[in-house]
Amino acid sequence: MSNRLKYSSPVASTSALWDLHSRRPGLVEDVLRHWDEERVDVVITPGFTMPAQRLGYPIYLAAAVGYFAVFNFLNFPAGCVPAGQETEEDQVNEIV
């Protein structure tokens, strides 16, 4: 896999952001080439890392977006399918 995918750095300026976006097509090609070499047909991940948060607890969301941010940046499509239902017990055991 390309070294371009092995590290990331914070975007410190508007020009750095535009530079990053200009490199996106190459990054997409690198990812798709790697998936092709590994014979990856589909990537299945949770739609989100946790159920919807209650108002007043946005601090938990910062860590939640990390794993799918790369898919958003690369503009890869996604879909969601139902996988179960939340119960009253789930509500009692939530992180507060």
PDB file of N, CA and C in Angstrom:
ATOM      1  N   MET A   1       0.849  -1.176   0.000  1.00  0.00           N
ATOM      2  CA  MET A   1       0.000   0.000   0.000  1.00  0.00           C
ATOM      3  C   MET A   1       0.892   1.236   0.000  1.00  0.00           C
ATOM      4  N   SER A   2       0.440   2.267  -0.610  1.00  0.00           N
ATOM      5  CA  SER A   2       1.193   3.508  -0.722  1.00  0.00           C
ATOM      6  C   SER A   2       1.502   4.119   0.642  1.00  0.00           C
ATOM      7  N   ASN A   3       2.646   4.781   0.740  1.00  0.00           N
ATOM      8  CA  ASN A   3       2.994   5.495   1.968  1.00  0.00           C
ATOM      9  C   ASN A   3       2.022   6.633   2.238  1.00  0.00           C
ATOM     10  N   ARG A   4       1.330   7.087   1.202  1.00  0.00           N
ATOM     11  CA  ARG A   4       0.386   8.185   1.382  1.00  0.00           C
ATOM     12  C   ARG A   4      -0.760   7.791   2.315  1.00  0.00           C
ATOM     13  N   LEU A   5      -1.017   6.487   2.464  1.00  0.00           N
ATOM     14  CA  LEU A   5      -2.120   6.045   3.296  1.00  0.00           C
ATOM     15  C   LEU A   5      -1.687   5.637   4.694  1.00  0.00           C
ATOM     16  N   LYS A   6      -0.389   5.613   4.968  1.00  0.00           N
ATOM     17  CA  LYS A   6       0.102   5.104   6.233  1.00  0.00           C
ATOM     18  C   LYS A   6       0.179   6.154   7.321  1.00  0.00           C
ATOM     19  N   TYR A   7       0.024   7.394   6.990  1.00  0.00           N
ATOM     20  CA  TYR A   7       0.089   8.437   8.013  1.00  0.00           C
ATOM     21  C   TYR A   7      -0.843   9.574   7.630  1.00  0.00           C
ATOM     22  N   SER A   8      -1.172  10.369   8.591  1.00  0.00           N
ATOM     23  CA  SER A   8      -1.961  11.567   8.309  1.00  0.00           C
ATOM     24  C   SER A   8      -1.420  12.685   9.172  1.00  0.00           C
ATOM     25  N   SER A   9      -1.662  13.890   8.735  1.00  0.00           N
ATOM     26  CA  SER A   9      -1.220  15.041   9.509  1.00  0.00           C
ATOM     27  C   SER A   9      -2.358  16.045   9.542  1.00  0.00           C
ATOM     28  N   PRO A  10      -2.400  16.871  10.564  1.00  0.00           N
ATOM     29  CA  PRO A  10      -3.473  17.864  10.627  1.00  0.00           C
ATOM     30  C   PRO A  10      -3.360  18.867   9.480  1.00  0.00           C
ATOM     31  N   VAL A  11      -4.484  19.333   9.025  1.00  0.00           N
ATOM     32  CA  VAL A  11      -4.515  20.344   7.969  1.00  0.00           C
ATOM     33  C   VAL A  11      -4.423  21.705   8.643  1.00  0.00           C
ATOM     34  N   ALA A  12      -3.314  22.389   8.403  1.00  0.00           N
ATOM     35  CA  ALA A  12      -3.028  23.628   9.126  1.00  0.00           C
ATOM     36  C   ALA A  12      -3.458  24.889   8.382  1.00  0.00           C
ATOM     37  N   SER A  13      -3.797  24.764   7.101  1.00  0.00           N
ATOM     38  CA  SER A  13      -4.154  25.967   6.348  1.00  0.00           C
ATOM     39  C   SER A  13      -5.100  25.603   5.212  1.00  0.00           C
ATOM     40  N   THR A  14      -5.690  26.620   4.626  1.00  0.00           N
ATOM     41  CA  THR A  14      -6.575  26.398   3.488  1.00  0.00           C
ATOM     42  C   THR A  14      -5.814  25.803   2.316  1.00  0.00           C
ATOM     43  N   SER A  15      -4.605  26.283   2.067  1.00  0.00           N
ATOM     44  CA  SER A  15      -3.827  25.729   0.950  1.00  0.00           C
ATOM     45  C   SER A  15      -3.469  24.270   1.210  1.00  0.00           C
ATOM     46  N   ALA A  16      -3.208  23.914   2.471  1.00  0.00           N
ATOM     47  CA  ALA A  16      -2.926  22.510   2.797  1.00  0.00           C
ATOM     48  C   ALA A  16      -4.164  21.648   2.572  1.00  0.00           C
ATOM     49  N   LEU A  17      -5.346  22.201   2.883  1.00  0.00           N
ATOM     50  CA  LEU A  17      -6.586  21.475   2.642  1.00  0.00           C
ATOM     51  C   LEU A  17      -6.792  21.239   1.144  1.00  0.00           C
ATOM     52  N   TRP A  18      -6.566  22.275   0.335  1.00  0.00           N
ATOM     53  CA  TRP A  18      -6.708  22.118  -1.115  1.00  0.00           C
ATOM     54  C   TRP A  18      -5.699  21.122  -1.657  1.00  0.00           C
ATOM     55  N   ASP A  19      -4.495  21.135  -1.096  1.00  0.00           N
ATOM     56  CA  ASP A  19      -3.482  20.157  -1.509  1.00  0.00           C
ATOM     57  C   ASP A  19      -3.954  18.745  -1.201  1.00  0.00           C
ATOM     58  N   LEU A  20      -4.501  18.545  -0.013  1.00  0.00           N
ATOM     59  CA  LEU A  20      -5.005  17.231   0.375  1.00  0.00           C
ATOM     60  C   LEU A  20      -6.114  16.787  -0.575  1.00  0.00           C
ATOM     61  N   HIS A  21      -7.033  17.689  -0.880  1.00  0.00           N
ATOM     62  CA  HIS A  21      -8.122  17.342  -1.800  1.00  0.00           C
ATOM     63  C   HIS A  21      -7.609  17.062  -3.207  1.00  0.00           C
ATOM     64  N   SER A  22      -6.561  17.732  -3.613  1.00  0.00           N
ATOM     65  CA  SER A  22      -6.017  17.465  -4.948  1.00  0.00           C
ATOM     66  C   SER A  22      -5.365  16.093  -5.028  1.00  0.00           C
ATOM     67  N   ARG A  23      -4.936  15.551  -3.884  1.00  0.00           N
ATOM     68  CA  ARG A  23      -4.330  14.221  -3.859  1.00  0.00           C
ATOM     69  C   ARG A  23      -5.356  13.106  -3.687  1.00  0.00           C
ATOM     70  N   ARG A  24      -6.614  13.467  -3.449  1.00  0.00           N
ATOM     71  CA  ARG A  24      -7.639  12.455  -3.215  1.00  0.00           C
ATOM     72  C   ARG A  24      -7.777  11.443  -4.348  1.00  0.00           C
ATOM     73  N   PRO A  25      -7.801  11.824  -5.622  1.00  0.00           N
ATOM     74  CA  PRO A  25      -7.933  10.803  -6.667  1.00  0.00           C
ATOM     75  C   PRO A  25      -6.831   9.736  -6.608  1.00  0.00           C
ATOM     76  N   GLY A  26      -5.614  10.140  -6.311  1.00  0.00           N
ATOM     77  CA  GLY A  26      -4.531   9.166  -6.183  1.00  0.00           C
ATOM     78  C   GLY A  26      -4.731   8.251  -4.992  1.00  0.00           C
ATOM     79  N   LEU A  27      -5.242   8.801  -3.893  1.00  0.00           N
ATOM     80  CA  LEU A  27      -5.518   7.982  -2.719  1.00  0.00           C
ATOM     81  C   LEU A  27      -6.626   6.975  -3.001  1.00  0.00           C
ATOM     82  N   VAL A  28      -7.660   7.404  -3.718  1.00  0.00           N
ATOM     83  CA  VAL A  28      -8.746   6.498  -4.091  1.00  0.00           C
ATOM     84  C   VAL A  28      -8.187   5.356  -4.935  1.00  0.00           C
ATOM     85  N   GLU A  29      -7.349   5.681  -5.911  1.00  0.00           N
ATOM     86  CA  GLU A  29      -6.740   4.639  -6.744  1.00  0.00           C
ATOM     87  C   GLU A  29      -5.906   3.680  -5.906  1.00  0.00           C
ATOM     88  N   ASP A  30      -5.152   4.205  -4.947  1.00  0.00           N
ATOM     89  CA  ASP A  30      -4.332   3.354  -4.072  1.00  0.00           C
ATOM     90  C   ASP A  30      -5.200   2.380  -3.272  1.00  0.00           C
ATOM     91  N   VAL A  31      -6.275   2.888  -2.695  1.00  0.00           N
ATOM     92  CA  VAL A  31      -7.156   2.038  -1.889  1.00  0.00           C
ATOM     93  C   VAL A  31      -7.806   0.968  -2.763  1.00  0.00           C
ATOM     94  N   LEU A  32      -8.337   1.375  -3.909  1.00  0.00           N
ATOM     95  CA  LEU A  32      -8.995   0.416  -4.791  1.00  0.00           C
ATOM     96  C   LEU A  32      -8.009  -0.624  -5.321  1.00  0.00           C
ATOM     97  N   ARG A  33      -6.798  -0.205  -5.630  1.00  0.00           N
ATOM     98  CA  ARG A  33      -5.773  -1.151  -6.084  1.00  0.00           C
ATOM     99  C   ARG A  33      -5.446  -2.154  -4.977  1.00  0.00           C
ATOM    100  N   HIS A  34      -5.295  -1.655  -3.744  1.00  0.00           N
ATOM    101  CA  HIS A  34      -5.002  -2.536  -2.615  1.00  0.00           C
ATOM    102  C   HIS A  34      -6.149  -3.522  -2.382  1.00  0.00           C
ATOM    103  N   TRP A  35      -7.385  -3.027  -2.415  1.00  0.00           N
ATOM    104  CA  TRP A  35      -8.534  -3.921  -2.232  1.00  0.00           C
ATOM    105  C   TRP A  35      -8.594  -4.958  -3.341  1.00  0.00           C
ATOM    106  N   ASP A  36      -8.259  -4.554  -4.563  1.00  0.00           N
ATOM    107  CA  ASP A  36      -8.249  -5.500  -5.676  1.00  0.00           C
ATOM    108  C   ASP A  36      -7.179  -6.574  -5.457  1.00  0.00           C
ATOM    109  N   GLU A  37      -5.993  -6.166  -5.021  1.00  0.00           N
ATOM    110  CA  GLU A  37      -4.919  -7.127  -4.743  1.00  0.00           C
ATOM    111  C   GLU A  37      -5.301  -8.101  -3.637  1.00  0.00           C
ATOM    112  N   GLU A  38      -6.049  -7.630  -2.648  1.00  0.00           N
ATOM    113  CA  GLU A  38      -6.473  -8.466  -1.520  1.00  0.00           C
ATOM    114  C   GLU A  38      -7.797  -9.182  -1.797  1.00  0.00           C
ATOM    115  N   ARG A  39      -8.346  -8.968  -2.994  1.00  0.00           N
ATOM    116  CA  ARG A  39      -9.610  -9.592  -3.419  1.00  0.00           C
ATOM    117  C   ARG A  39     -10.778  -9.200  -2.508  1.00  0.00           C
ATOM    118  N   VAL A  40     -10.824  -7.930  -2.144  1.00  0.00           N
ATOM    119  CA  VAL A  40     -11.908  -7.407  -1.310  1.00  0.00           C
ATOM    120  C   VAL A  40     -13.066  -7.021  -2.230  1.00  0.00           C
ATOM    121  N   ASP A  41     -14.230  -7.601  -1.973  1.00  0.00           N
ATOM    122  CA  ASP A  41     -15.422  -7.281  -2.760  1.00  0.00           C
ATOM    123  C   ASP A  41     -16.312  -6.262  -2.066  1.00  0.00           C
ATOM    124  N   VAL A  42     -16.339  -6.318  -0.743  1.00  0.00           N
ATOM    125  CA  VAL A  42     -17.223  -5.445   0.015  1.00  0.00           C
ATOM    126  C   VAL A  42     -16.615  -5.239   1.404  1.00  0.00           C
ATOM    127  N   VAL A  43     -16.850  -4.073   1.975  1.00  0.00           N
ATOM    128  CA  VAL A  43     -16.425  -3.773   3.342  1.00  0.00           C
ATOM    129  C   VAL A  43     -17.690  -3.579   4.161  1.00  0.00           C
ATOM    130  N   ILE A  44     -17.840  -4.397   5.198  1.00  0.00           N
ATOM    131  CA  ILE A  44     -19.024  -4.305   6.049  1.00  0.00           C
ATOM    132  C   ILE A  44     -18.587  -3.772   7.406  1.00  0.00           C
ATOM    133  N   THR A  45     -19.158  -2.648   7.790  1.00  0.00           N
ATOM    134  CA  THR A  45     -18.863  -2.030   9.082  1.00  0.00           C
ATOM    135  C   THR A  45     -20.168  -1.550   9.690  1.00  0.00           C
ATOM    136  N   PRO A  46     -20.165  -1.284  10.986  1.00  0.00           N
ATOM    137  CA  PRO A  46     -21.369  -0.668  11.568  1.00  0.00           C
ATOM    138  C   PRO A  46     -21.620   0.697  10.930  1.00  0.00           C
ATOM    139  N   GLY A  47     -22.872   1.087  10.868  1.00  0.00           N
ATOM    140  CA  GLY A  47     -23.213   2.398  10.331  1.00  0.00           C
ATOM    141  C   GLY A  47     -22.687   3.532  11.183  1.00  0.00           C
ATOM    142  N   PHE A  48     -22.570   3.268  12.478  1.00  0.00           N
ATOM    143  CA  PHE A  48     -22.048   4.251  13.415  1.00  0.00           C
ATOM    144  C   PHE A  48     -21.549   3.469  14.622  1.00  0.00           C
ATOM    145  N   THR A  49     -20.722   4.082  15.421  1.00  0.00           N
ATOM    146  CA  THR A  49     -20.106   3.361  16.528  1.00  0.00           C
ATOM    147  C   THR A  49     -20.998   3.212  17.743  1.00  0.00           C
ATOM    148  N   MET A  50     -22.127   3.908  17.765  1.00  0.00           N
ATOM    149  CA  MET A  50     -23.001   3.864  18.945  1.00  0.00           C
ATOM    150  C   MET A  50     -24.395   4.304  18.541  1.00  0.00           C
ATOM    151  N   PRO A  51     -25.387   4.036  19.398  1.00  0.00           N
ATOM    152  CA  PRO A  51     -26.724   4.567  19.109  1.00  0.00           C
ATOM    153  C   PRO A  51     -26.723   6.095  19.179  1.00  0.00           C
ATOM    154  N   ALA A  52     -27.772   6.696  18.737  1.00  0.00           N
ATOM    155  CA  ALA A  52     -27.884   8.156  18.802  1.00  0.00           C
ATOM    156  C   ALA A  52     -27.688   8.635  20.230  1.00  0.00           C
ATOM    157  N   GLN A  53     -26.929   9.704  20.382  1.00  0.00           N
ATOM    158  CA  GLN A  53     -26.640  10.248  21.702  1.00  0.00           C
ATOM    159  C   GLN A  53     -27.760  11.172  22.167  1.00  0.00           C
ATOM    160  N   ARG A  54     -27.947  11.222  23.465  1.00  0.00           N
ATOM    161  CA  ARG A  54     -28.906  12.168  24.030  1.00  0.00           C
ATOM    162  C   ARG A  54     -28.328  13.568  23.949  1.00  0.00           C
ATOM    163  N   LEU A  55     -29.191  14.552  23.960  1.00  0.00           N
ATOM    164  CA  LEU A  55     -28.732  15.936  23.966  1.00  0.00           C
ATOM    165  C   LEU A  55     -27.864  16.182  25.193  1.00  0.00           C
ATOM    166  N   GLY A  56     -26.788  16.928  25.013  1.00  0.00           N
ATOM    167  CA  GLY A  56     -25.915  17.266  26.126  1.00  0.00           C
ATOM    168  C   GLY A  56     -24.703  16.365  26.268  1.00  0.00           C
ATOM    169  N   TYR A  57     -24.545  15.366  25.384  1.00  0.00           N
ATOM    170  CA  TYR A  57     -23.403  14.455  25.476  1.00  0.00           C
ATOM    171  C   TYR A  57     -22.601  14.413  24.178  1.00  0.00           C
ATOM    172  N   PRO A  58     -22.349  15.547  23.524  1.00  0.00           N
ATOM    173  CA  PRO A  58     -21.641  15.518  22.238  1.00  0.00           C
ATOM    174  C   PRO A  58     -20.176  15.118  22.362  1.00  0.00           C
ATOM    175  N   ILE A  59     -19.604  15.149  23.566  1.00  0.00           N
ATOM    176  CA  ILE A  59     -18.188  14.810  23.709  1.00  0.00           C
ATOM    177  C   ILE A  59     -17.899  13.382  23.261  1.00  0.00           C
ATOM    178  N   TYR A  60     -18.877  12.493  23.382  1.00  0.00           N
ATOM    179  CA  TYR A  60     -18.668  11.102  22.979  1.00  0.00           C
ATOM    180  C   TYR A  60     -18.602  10.945  21.461  1.00  0.00           C
ATOM    181  N   LEU A  61     -19.051  11.936  20.726  1.00  0.00           N
ATOM    182  CA  LEU A  61     -19.090  11.816  19.273  1.00  0.00           C
ATOM    183  C   LEU A  61     -17.725  11.989  18.615  1.00  0.00           C
ATOM    184  N   ALA A  62     -16.800  12.687  19.252  1.00  0.00           N
ATOM    185  CA  ALA A  62     -15.501  12.954  18.628  1.00  0.00           C
ATOM    186  C   ALA A  62     -14.778  11.668  18.252  1.00  0.00           C
ATOM    187  N   ALA A  63     -14.720  10.723  19.151  1.00  0.00           N
ATOM    188  CA  ALA A  63     -14.042   9.453  18.875  1.00  0.00           C
ATOM    189  C   ALA A  63     -14.854   8.574  17.937  1.00  0.00           C
ATOM    190  N   ALA A  64     -16.129   8.813  17.845  1.00  0.00           N
ATOM    191  CA  ALA A  64     -17.009   7.953  17.067  1.00  0.00           C
ATOM    192  C   ALA A  64     -16.806   8.083  15.559  1.00  0.00           C
ATOM    193  N   VAL A  65     -16.386   9.236  15.098  1.00  0.00           N
ATOM    194  CA  VAL A  65     -16.310   9.445  13.651  1.00  0.00           C
ATOM    195  C   VAL A  65     -15.014   8.948  13.023  1.00  0.00           C
ATOM    196  N   GLY A  66     -14.045   8.600  13.819  1.00  0.00           N
ATOM    197  CA  GLY A  66     -12.724   8.253  13.304  1.00  0.00           C
ATOM    198  C   GLY A  66     -12.688   7.133  12.296  1.00  0.00           C
ATOM    199  N   TYR A  67     -13.409   6.058  12.551  1.00  0.00           N
ATOM    200  CA  TYR A  67     -13.237   4.900  11.684  1.00  0.00           C
ATOM    201  C   TYR A  67     -13.892   5.057  10.323  1.00  0.00           C
ATOM    202  N   PHE A  68     -14.901   5.896  10.196  1.00  0.00           N
ATOM    203  CA  PHE A  68     -15.520   6.033   8.878  1.00  0.00           C
ATOM    204  C   PHE A  68     -15.166   7.337   8.172  1.00  0.00           C
ATOM    205  N   ALA A  69     -14.371   8.194   8.793  1.00  0.00           N
ATOM    206  CA  ALA A  69     -13.994   9.460   8.164  1.00  0.00           C
ATOM    207  C   ALA A  69     -13.257   9.231   6.855  1.00  0.00           C
ATOM    208  N   VAL A  70     -12.427   8.206   6.792  1.00  0.00           N
ATOM    209  CA  VAL A  70     -11.679   7.939   5.562  1.00  0.00           C
ATOM    210  C   VAL A  70     -12.624   7.592   4.414  1.00  0.00           C
ATOM    211  N   PHE A  71     -13.703   6.857   4.701  1.00  0.00           N
ATOM    212  CA  PHE A  71     -14.666   6.522   3.644  1.00  0.00           C
ATOM    213  C   PHE A  71     -15.360   7.784   3.135  1.00  0.00           C
ATOM    214  N   ASN A  72     -15.664   8.713   4.043  1.00  0.00           N
ATOM    215  CA  ASN A  72     -16.259   9.982   3.625  1.00  0.00           C
ATOM    216  C   ASN A  72     -15.285  10.788   2.773  1.00  0.00           C
ATOM    217  N   PHE A  73     -14.027  10.864   3.219  1.00  0.00           N
ATOM    218  CA  PHE A  73     -13.038  11.637   2.474  1.00  0.00           C
ATOM    219  C   PHE A  73     -12.836  11.067   1.073  1.00  0.00           C
ATOM    220  N   LEU A  74     -12.799   9.742   0.961  1.00  0.00           N
ATOM    221  CA  LEU A  74     -12.579   9.105  -0.335  1.00  0.00           C
ATOM    222  C   LEU A  74     -13.844   9.052  -1.182  1.00  0.00           C
ATOM    223  N   ASN A  75     -14.966   9.503  -0.601  1.00  0.00           N
ATOM    224  CA  ASN A  75     -16.246   9.553  -1.311  1.00  0.00           C
ATOM    225  C   ASN A  75     -16.720   8.156  -1.728  1.00  0.00           C
ATOM    226  N   PHE A  76     -16.500   7.177  -0.847  1.00  0.00           N
ATOM    227  CA  PHE A  76     -16.963   5.823  -1.113  1.00  0.00           C
ATOM    228  C   PHE A  76     -18.417   5.709  -0.672  1.00  0.00           C
ATOM    229  N   PRO A  77     -19.254   5.045  -1.465  1.00  0.00           N
ATOM    230  CA  PRO A  77     -20.669   4.941  -1.117  1.00  0.00           C
ATOM    231  C   PRO A  77     -20.884   4.021   0.089  1.00  0.00           C
ATOM    232  N   ALA A  78     -22.001   4.217   0.747  1.00  0.00           N
ATOM    233  CA  ALA A  78     -22.347   3.396   1.910  1.00  0.00           C
ATOM    234  C   ALA A  78     -23.853   3.213   1.946  1.00  0.00           C
ATOM    235  N   GLY A  79     -24.268   2.194   2.645  1.00  0.00           N
ATOM    236  CA  GLY A  79     -25.690   1.942   2.851  1.00  0.00           C
ATOM    237  C   GLY A  79     -25.885   1.321   4.214  1.00  0.00           C
ATOM    238  N   CYS A  80     -27.083   1.397   4.721  1.00  0.00           N
ATOM    239  CA  CYS A  80     -27.401   0.815   6.030  1.00  0.00           C
ATOM    240  C   CYS A  80     -28.570  -0.136   5.888  1.00  0.00           C
ATOM    241  N   VAL A  81     -28.506  -1.228   6.646  1.00  0.00           N
ATOM    242  CA  VAL A  81     -29.612  -2.179   6.705  1.00  0.00           C
ATOM    243  C   VAL A  81     -29.941  -2.433   8.169  1.00  0.00           C
ATOM    244  N   PRO A  82     -31.192  -2.674   8.502  1.00  0.00           N
ATOM    245  CA  PRO A  82     -31.540  -2.949   9.896  1.00  0.00           C
ATOM    246  C   PRO A  82     -30.879  -4.238  10.374  1.00  0.00           C
ATOM    247  N   ALA A  83     -30.442  -4.237  11.628  1.00  0.00           N
ATOM    248  CA  ALA A  83     -29.781  -5.425  12.172  1.00  0.00           C
ATOM    249  C   ALA A  83     -30.313  -5.794  13.549  1.00  0.00           C
ATOM    250  N   GLY A  84     -31.389  -5.206  13.979  1.00  0.00           N
ATOM    251  CA  GLY A  84     -31.951  -5.517  15.291  1.00  0.00           C
ATOM    252  C   GLY A  84     -32.745  -4.345  15.819  1.00  0.00           C
ATOM    253  N   GLN A  85     -33.219  -4.493  17.038  1.00  0.00           N
ATOM    254  CA  GLN A  85     -33.990  -3.426  17.668  1.00  0.00           C
ATOM    255  C   GLN A  85     -33.439  -3.161  19.058  1.00  0.00           C
ATOM    256  N   GLU A  86     -33.528  -1.927  19.481  1.00  0.00           N
ATOM    257  CA  GLU A  86     -33.101  -1.545  20.811  1.00  0.00           C
ATOM    258  C   GLU A  86     -34.186  -1.935  21.817  1.00  0.00           C
ATOM    259  N   THR A  87     -33.728  -2.385  22.990  1.00  0.00           N
ATOM    260  CA  THR A  87     -34.666  -2.797  24.036  1.00  0.00           C
ATOM    261  C   THR A  87     -34.608  -1.827  25.216  1.00  0.00           C
ATOM    262  N   GLU A  88     -35.522  -1.995  26.154  1.00  0.00           N
ATOM    263  CA  GLU A  88     -35.490  -1.193  27.381  1.00  0.00           C
ATOM    264  C   GLU A  88     -34.189  -1.454  28.142  1.00  0.00           C
ATOM    265  N   GLU A  89     -33.712  -2.690  28.134  1.00  0.00           N
ATOM    266  CA  GLU A  89     -32.450  -3.027  28.807  1.00  0.00           C
ATOM    267  C   GLU A  89     -31.283  -2.261  28.195  1.00  0.00           C
ATOM    268  N   ASP A  90     -31.296  -2.079  26.883  1.00  0.00           N
ATOM    269  CA  ASP A  90     -30.256  -1.282  26.227  1.00  0.00           C
ATOM    270  C   ASP A  90     -30.246   0.139  26.763  1.00  0.00           C
ATOM    271  N   GLN A  91     -31.413   0.698  27.004  1.00  0.00           N
ATOM    272  CA  GLN A  91     -31.515   2.059  27.536  1.00  0.00           C
ATOM    273  C   GLN A  91     -30.933   2.157  28.941  1.00  0.00           C
ATOM    274  N   VAL A  92     -31.149   1.149  29.757  1.00  0.00           N
ATOM    275  CA  VAL A  92     -30.638   1.136  31.127  1.00  0.00           C
ATOM    276  C   VAL A  92     -29.125   1.041  31.138  1.00  0.00           C
ATOM    277  N   ASN A  93     -28.539   0.336  30.197  1.00  0.00           N
ATOM    278  CA  ASN A  93     -27.097   0.097  30.162  1.00  0.00           C
ATOM    279  C   ASN A  93     -26.317   1.126  29.359  1.00  0.00           C
ATOM    280  N   GLU A  94     -26.927   2.214  28.959  1.00  0.00           N
ATOM    281  CA  GLU A  94     -26.244   3.193  28.131  1.00  0.00           C
ATOM    282  C   GLU A  94     -25.158   3.928  28.928  1.00  0.00           C
ATOM    283  N   ILE A  95     -24.170   4.432  28.208  1.00  0.00           N
ATOM    284  CA  ILE A  95     -23.085   5.216  28.822  1.00  0.00           C
ATOM    285  C   ILE A  95     -23.602   6.618  29.078  1.00  0.00           C
ATOM    286  N   VAL A  96     -23.429   7.110  30.275  1.00  0.00           N
ATOM    287  CA  VAL A  96     -23.876   8.478  30.606  1.00  0.00           C
ATOM    288  C   VAL A  96     -22.699   9.252  31.134  1.00  0.00           C
TER     289      VAL A  96
END
